[in-house]
């Protein structure tokens, strides 16, 4: 049961980082996240988000240059 809770907290961290990347995070949502998320989850979610973002950008550039 504790393992499922950790997974859900990590996905909540991913959601918070995603909204942070878009820059559309409410102040109340940010305060709620600060109270419930762990620092390690947010860092890992941020690194995963950056890797996904960079991969998408590289795929778009390769697709455009291939034409």
PDB file of N, CA and C in Angstrom:
ATOM      1  N   UNK A   1       0.815  -1.192   0.000  1.00  0.00           N
ATOM      2  CA  UNK A   1       0.000   0.000   0.000  1.00  0.00           C
ATOM      3  C   UNK A   1       0.862   1.260   0.000  1.00  0.00           C
ATOM      4  N   UNK A   2       1.960   1.238   0.751  1.00  0.00           N
ATOM      5  CA  UNK A   2       2.834   2.405   0.802  1.00  0.00           C
ATOM      6  C   UNK A   2       3.496   2.635  -0.553  1.00  0.00           C
ATOM      7  N   UNK A   3       3.798   1.570  -1.282  1.00  0.00           N
ATOM      8  CA  UNK A   3       4.417   1.684  -2.587  1.00  0.00           C
ATOM      9  C   UNK A   3       3.482   2.372  -3.572  1.00  0.00           C
ATOM     10  N   UNK A   4       2.189   2.047  -3.537  1.00  0.00           N
ATOM     11  CA  UNK A   4       1.210   2.694  -4.411  1.00  0.00           C
ATOM     12  C   UNK A   4       1.107   4.180  -4.088  1.00  0.00           C
ATOM     13  N   UNK A   5       1.193   4.520  -2.810  1.00  0.00           N
ATOM     14  CA  UNK A   5       1.147   5.916  -2.398  1.00  0.00           C
ATOM     15  C   UNK A   5       2.339   6.686  -2.963  1.00  0.00           C
ATOM     16  N   UNK A   6       3.518   6.085  -2.947  1.00  0.00           N
ATOM     17  CA  UNK A   6       4.713   6.725  -3.496  1.00  0.00           C
ATOM     18  C   UNK A   6       4.574   6.943  -4.993  1.00  0.00           C
ATOM     19  N   UNK A   7       4.002   5.971  -5.693  1.00  0.00           N
ATOM     20  CA  UNK A   7       3.803   6.097  -7.138  1.00  0.00           C
ATOM     21  C   UNK A   7       2.832   7.232  -7.431  1.00  0.00           C
ATOM     22  N   UNK A   8       1.769   7.324  -6.668  1.00  0.00           N
ATOM     23  CA  UNK A   8       0.796   8.391  -6.875  1.00  0.00           C
ATOM     24  C   UNK A   8       1.413   9.762  -6.578  1.00  0.00           C
ATOM     25  N   UNK A   9       2.252   9.832  -5.549  1.00  0.00           N
ATOM     26  CA  UNK A   9       2.923  11.095  -5.240  1.00  0.00           C
ATOM     27  C   UNK A   9       3.881  11.483  -6.355  1.00  0.00           C
ATOM     28  N   UNK A  10       4.550  10.493  -6.964  1.00  0.00           N
ATOM     29  CA  UNK A  10       5.459  10.800  -8.067  1.00  0.00           C
ATOM     30  C   UNK A  10       4.675  11.324  -9.269  1.00  0.00           C
ATOM     31  N   UNK A  11       3.529  10.702  -9.585  1.00  0.00           N
ATOM     32  CA  UNK A  11       2.725  11.181 -10.710  1.00  0.00           C
ATOM     33  C   UNK A  11       2.159  12.580 -10.424  1.00  0.00           C
ATOM     34  N   UNK A  12       1.869  12.850  -9.174  1.00  0.00           N
ATOM     35  CA  UNK A  12       1.426  14.196  -8.807  1.00  0.00           C
ATOM     36  C   UNK A  12       2.570  15.184  -9.012  1.00  0.00           C
ATOM     37  N   UNK A  13       3.797  14.746  -8.724  1.00  0.00           N
ATOM     38  CA  UNK A  13       4.969  15.584  -8.981  1.00  0.00           C
ATOM     39  C   UNK A  13       5.140  15.832 -10.473  1.00  0.00           C
ATOM     40  N   UNK A  14       4.935  14.794 -11.283  1.00  0.00           N
ATOM     41  CA  UNK A  14       5.047  14.950 -12.733  1.00  0.00           C
ATOM     42  C   UNK A  14       4.024  15.965 -13.236  1.00  0.00           C
ATOM     43  N   UNK A  15       2.818  15.895 -12.704  1.00  0.00           N
ATOM     44  CA  UNK A  15       1.767  16.832 -13.102  1.00  0.00           C
ATOM     45  C   UNK A  15       2.153  18.260 -12.719  1.00  0.00           C
ATOM     46  N   UNK A  16       2.678  18.447 -11.530  1.00  0.00           N
ATOM     47  CA  UNK A  16       3.078  19.782 -11.079  1.00  0.00           C
ATOM     48  C   UNK A  16       4.223  20.330 -11.940  1.00  0.00           C
ATOM     49  N   UNK A  17       5.183  19.468 -12.285  1.00  0.00           N
ATOM     50  CA  UNK A  17       6.301  19.904 -13.125  1.00  0.00           C
ATOM     51  C   UNK A  17       5.811  20.237 -14.523  1.00  0.00           C
ATOM     52  N   UNK A  18       4.873  19.448 -15.056  1.00  0.00           N
ATOM     53  CA  UNK A  18       4.316  19.724 -16.375  1.00  0.00           C
ATOM     54  C   UNK A  18       3.657  21.098 -16.413  1.00  0.00           C
ATOM     55  N   UNK A  19       2.826  21.387 -15.427  1.00  0.00           N
ATOM     56  CA  UNK A  19       2.176  22.699 -15.381  1.00  0.00           C
ATOM     57  C   UNK A  19       3.193  23.803 -15.167  1.00  0.00           C
ATOM     58  N   UNK A  20       4.255  23.500 -14.433  1.00  0.00           N
ATOM     59  CA  UNK A  20       5.331  24.469 -14.253  1.00  0.00           C
ATOM     60  C   UNK A  20       6.051  24.771 -15.554  1.00  0.00           C
ATOM     61  N   UNK A  21       6.265  23.762 -16.385  1.00  0.00           N
ATOM     62  CA  UNK A  21       6.874  23.979 -17.702  1.00  0.00           C
ATOM     63  C   UNK A  21       6.006  24.887 -18.553  1.00  0.00           C
ATOM     64  N   UNK A  22       4.705  24.711 -18.467  1.00  0.00           N
ATOM     65  CA  UNK A  22       3.796  25.535 -19.250  1.00  0.00           C
ATOM     66  C   UNK A  22       3.634  26.935 -18.654  1.00  0.00           C
ATOM     67  N   UNK A  23       3.935  27.076 -17.378  1.00  0.00           N
ATOM     68  CA  UNK A  23       3.843  28.371 -16.728  1.00  0.00           C
ATOM     69  C   UNK A  23       2.433  28.780 -16.359  1.00  0.00           C
ATOM     70  N   UNK A  24       1.564  27.815 -16.159  1.00  0.00           N
ATOM     71  CA  UNK A  24       0.174  28.125 -15.829  1.00  0.00           C
ATOM     72  C   UNK A  24      -0.228  27.491 -14.488  1.00  0.00           C
ATOM     73  N   UNK A  25       0.590  27.704 -13.497  1.00  0.00           N
ATOM     74  CA  UNK A  25       0.326  27.124 -12.178  1.00  0.00           C
ATOM     75  C   UNK A  25      -0.298  28.172 -11.268  1.00  0.00           C
ATOM     76  N   UNK A  26      -1.417  27.846 -10.653  1.00  0.00           N
ATOM     77  CA  UNK A  26      -2.058  28.761  -9.707  1.00  0.00           C
ATOM     78  C   UNK A  26      -1.260  28.811  -8.409  1.00  0.00           C
ATOM     79  N   UNK A  27      -1.347  29.926  -7.729  1.00  0.00           N
ATOM     80  CA  UNK A  27      -0.653  30.070  -6.450  1.00  0.00           C
ATOM     81  C   UNK A  27      -1.151  29.086  -5.416  1.00  0.00           C
ATOM     82  N   UNK A  28      -2.466  28.867  -5.386  1.00  0.00           N
ATOM     83  CA  UNK A  28      -3.022  27.931  -4.403  1.00  0.00           C
ATOM     84  C   UNK A  28      -2.585  26.501  -4.716  1.00  0.00           C
ATOM     85  N   UNK A  29      -2.510  26.160  -5.997  1.00  0.00           N
ATOM     86  CA  UNK A  29      -2.044  24.829  -6.386  1.00  0.00           C
ATOM     87  C   UNK A  29      -0.587  24.627  -6.047  1.00  0.00           C
ATOM     88  N   UNK A  30       0.201  25.682  -6.193  1.00  0.00           N
ATOM     89  CA  UNK A  30       1.621  25.589  -5.863  1.00  0.00           C
ATOM     90  C   UNK A  30       1.818  25.363  -4.369  1.00  0.00           C
ATOM     91  N   UNK A  31       1.057  26.076  -3.562  1.00  0.00           N
ATOM     92  CA  UNK A  31       1.176  25.908  -2.110  1.00  0.00           C
ATOM     93  C   UNK A  31       0.737  24.503  -1.684  1.00  0.00           C
ATOM     94  N   UNK A  32      -0.296  23.979  -2.327  1.00  0.00           N
ATOM     95  CA  UNK A  32      -0.746  22.617  -2.023  1.00  0.00           C
ATOM     96  C   UNK A  32       0.339  21.609  -2.396  1.00  0.00           C
ATOM     97  N   UNK A  33       0.979  21.822  -3.549  1.00  0.00           N
ATOM     98  CA  UNK A  33       2.049  20.928  -3.979  1.00  0.00           C
ATOM     99  C   UNK A  33       3.241  20.983  -3.035  1.00  0.00           C
ATOM    100  N   UNK A  34       3.589  22.168  -2.585  1.00  0.00           N
ATOM    101  CA  UNK A  34       4.726  22.303  -1.669  1.00  0.00           C
ATOM    102  C   UNK A  34       4.475  21.548  -0.363  1.00  0.00           C
ATOM    103  N   UNK A  35       3.226  21.482   0.041  1.00  0.00           N
ATOM    104  CA  UNK A  35       2.900  20.796   1.286  1.00  0.00           C
ATOM    105  C   UNK A  35       2.879  19.279   1.123  1.00  0.00           C
ATOM    106  N   UNK A  36       2.563  18.786  -0.087  1.00  0.00           N
ATOM    107  CA  UNK A  36       2.351  17.347  -0.227  1.00  0.00           C
ATOM    108  C   UNK A  36       3.447  16.618  -1.017  1.00  0.00           C
ATOM    109  N   UNK A  37       4.258  17.331  -1.784  1.00  0.00           N
ATOM    110  CA  UNK A  37       5.262  16.666  -2.620  1.00  0.00           C
ATOM    111  C   UNK A  37       6.623  16.665  -1.947  1.00  0.00           C
ATOM    112  N   UNK A  38       7.414  15.658  -2.285  1.00  0.00           N
ATOM    113  CA  UNK A  38       8.765  15.593  -1.747  1.00  0.00           C
ATOM    114  C   UNK A  38       9.741  16.216  -2.741  1.00  0.00           C
ATOM    115  N   UNK A  39      10.815  16.754  -2.206  1.00  0.00           N
ATOM    116  CA  UNK A  39      11.834  17.420  -3.014  1.00  0.00           C
ATOM    117  C   UNK A  39      12.436  16.462  -4.037  1.00  0.00           C
ATOM    118  N   UNK A  40      12.708  15.243  -3.619  1.00  0.00           N
ATOM    119  CA  UNK A  40      13.322  14.251  -4.518  1.00  0.00           C
ATOM    120  C   UNK A  40      12.391  13.937  -5.685  1.00  0.00           C
ATOM    121  N   UNK A  41      11.114  13.780  -5.432  1.00  0.00           N
ATOM    122  CA  UNK A  41      10.162  13.494  -6.510  1.00  0.00           C
ATOM    123  C   UNK A  41      10.108  14.644  -7.511  1.00  0.00           C
ATOM    124  N   UNK A  42      10.135  15.870  -7.014  1.00  0.00           N
ATOM    125  CA  UNK A  42      10.071  17.027  -7.911  1.00  0.00           C
ATOM    126  C   UNK A  42      11.328  17.102  -8.775  1.00  0.00           C
ATOM    127  N   UNK A  43      12.496  16.844  -8.202  1.00  0.00           N
ATOM    128  CA  UNK A  43      13.750  16.872  -8.971  1.00  0.00           C
ATOM    129  C   UNK A  43      13.738  15.785 -10.035  1.00  0.00           C
ATOM    130  N   UNK A  44      13.363  14.574  -9.658  1.00  0.00           N
ATOM    131  CA  UNK A  44      13.321  13.468 -10.627  1.00  0.00           C
ATOM    132  C   UNK A  44      12.293  13.757 -11.717  1.00  0.00           C
ATOM    133  N   UNK A  45      11.135  14.272 -11.351  1.00  0.00           N
ATOM    134  CA  UNK A  45      10.108  14.607 -12.330  1.00  0.00           C
ATOM    135  C   UNK A  45      10.601  15.701 -13.273  1.00  0.00           C
ATOM    136  N   UNK A  46      11.341  16.669 -12.755  1.00  0.00           N
ATOM    137  CA  UNK A  46      11.894  17.721 -13.595  1.00  0.00           C
ATOM    138  C   UNK A  46      12.905  17.186 -14.596  1.00  0.00           C
ATOM    139  N   UNK A  47      13.769  16.290 -14.150  1.00  0.00           N
ATOM    140  CA  UNK A  47      14.761  15.692 -15.058  1.00  0.00           C
ATOM    141  C   UNK A  47      14.060  14.857 -16.126  1.00  0.00           C
ATOM    142  N   UNK A  48      13.083  14.072 -15.741  1.00  0.00           N
ATOM    143  CA  UNK A  48      12.318  13.276 -16.713  1.00  0.00           C
ATOM    144  C   UNK A  48      11.602  14.197 -17.704  1.00  0.00           C
ATOM    145  N   UNK A  49      11.020  15.273 -17.203  1.00  0.00           N
ATOM    146  CA  UNK A  49      10.340  16.225 -18.075  1.00  0.00           C
ATOM    147  C   UNK A  49      11.278  16.866 -19.080  1.00  0.00           C
ATOM    148  N   UNK A  50      12.477  17.229 -18.643  1.00  0.00           N
ATOM    149  CA  UNK A  50      13.464  17.827 -19.548  1.00  0.00           C
ATOM    150  C   UNK A  50      13.895  16.829 -20.606  1.00  0.00           C
ATOM    151  N   UNK A  51      14.108  15.580 -20.221  1.00  0.00           N
ATOM    152  CA  UNK A  51      14.509  14.556 -21.187  1.00  0.00           C
ATOM    153  C   UNK A  51      13.406  14.350 -22.234  1.00  0.00           C
ATOM    154  N   UNK A  52      12.171  14.286 -21.796  1.00  0.00           N
ATOM    155  CA  UNK A  52      11.054  14.123 -22.738  1.00  0.00           C
ATOM    156  C   UNK A  52      10.963  15.335 -23.661  1.00  0.00           C
ATOM    157  N   UNK A  53      11.077  16.528 -23.102  1.00  0.00           N
ATOM    158  CA  UNK A  53      11.010  17.760 -23.892  1.00  0.00           C
ATOM    159  C   UNK A  53      12.126  17.802 -24.944  1.00  0.00           C
ATOM    160  N   UNK A  54      13.339  17.490 -24.537  1.00  0.00           N
ATOM    161  CA  UNK A  54      14.473  17.516 -25.476  1.00  0.00           C
ATOM    162  C   UNK A  54      14.317  16.450 -26.564  1.00  0.00           C
ATOM    163  N   UNK A  55      13.815  15.290 -26.206  1.00  0.00           N
ATOM    164  CA  UNK A  55      13.591  14.230 -27.199  1.00  0.00           C
ATOM    165  C   UNK A  55      12.563  14.668 -28.236  1.00  0.00           C
ATOM    166  N   UNK A  56      11.497  15.284 -27.793  1.00  0.00           N
ATOM    167  CA  UNK A  56      10.470  15.768 -28.723  1.00  0.00           C
ATOM    168  C   UNK A  56      11.055  16.835 -29.646  1.00  0.00           C
ATOM    169  N   UNK A  57      11.835  17.768 -29.074  1.00  0.00           N
ATOM    170  CA  UNK A  57      12.452  18.796 -29.912  1.00  0.00           C
ATOM    171  C   UNK A  57      13.393  18.199 -30.948  1.00  0.00           C
ATOM    172  N   UNK A  58      14.203  17.244 -30.545  1.00  0.00           N
ATOM    173  CA  UNK A  58      15.123  16.601 -31.491  1.00  0.00           C
ATOM    174  C   UNK A  58      14.370  15.862 -32.596  1.00  0.00           C
ATOM    175  N   UNK A  59      13.290  15.196 -32.256  1.00  0.00           N
ATOM    176  CA  UNK A  59      12.494  14.503 -33.272  1.00  0.00           C
ATOM    177  C   UNK A  59      11.862  15.484 -34.246  1.00  0.00           C
ATOM    178  N   UNK A  60      11.398  16.625 -33.743  1.00  0.00           N
ATOM    179  CA  UNK A  60      10.819  17.638 -34.635  1.00  0.00           C
ATOM    180  C   UNK A  60      11.886  18.198 -35.568  1.00  0.00           C
ATOM    181  N   UNK A  61      13.057  18.496 -35.040  1.00  0.00           N
ATOM    182  CA  UNK A  61      14.131  19.031 -35.873  1.00  0.00           C
ATOM    183  C   UNK A  61      14.556  18.021 -36.929  1.00  0.00           C
ATOM    184  N   UNK A  62      14.696  16.763 -36.559  1.00  0.00           N
ATOM    185  CA  UNK A  62      15.076  15.728 -37.536  1.00  0.00           C
ATOM    186  C   UNK A  62      14.006  15.590 -38.610  1.00  0.00           C
ATOM    187  N   UNK A  63      12.727  15.655 -38.234  1.00  0.00           N
ATOM    188  CA  UNK A  63      11.652  15.540 -39.199  1.00  0.00           C
ATOM    189  C   UNK A  63      11.646  16.717 -40.172  1.00  0.00           C
ATOM    190  N   UNK A  64      11.911  17.922 -39.670  1.00  0.00           N
ATOM    191  CA  UNK A  64      11.918  19.104 -40.530  1.00  0.00           C
ATOM    192  C   UNK A  64      13.138  19.082 -41.462  1.00  0.00           C
ATOM    193  N   UNK A  65      14.283  18.690 -40.959  1.00  0.00           N
ATOM    194  CA  UNK A  65      15.498  18.667 -41.777  1.00  0.00           C
ATOM    195  C   UNK A  65      15.493  17.522 -42.791  1.00  0.00           C
ATOM    196  N   UNK A  66      14.723  16.502 -42.547  1.00  0.00           N
ATOM    197  CA  UNK A  66      14.669  15.356 -43.471  1.00  0.00           C
ATOM    198  C   UNK A  66      13.884  15.693 -44.733  1.00  0.00           C
ATOM    199  N   UNK A  67      13.062  16.709 -44.695  1.00  0.00           N
ATOM    200  CA  UNK A  67      12.231  17.053 -45.852  1.00  0.00           C
ATOM    201  C   UNK A  67      12.999  17.823 -46.885  1.00  0.00           C
TER     202      UNK A  67
END
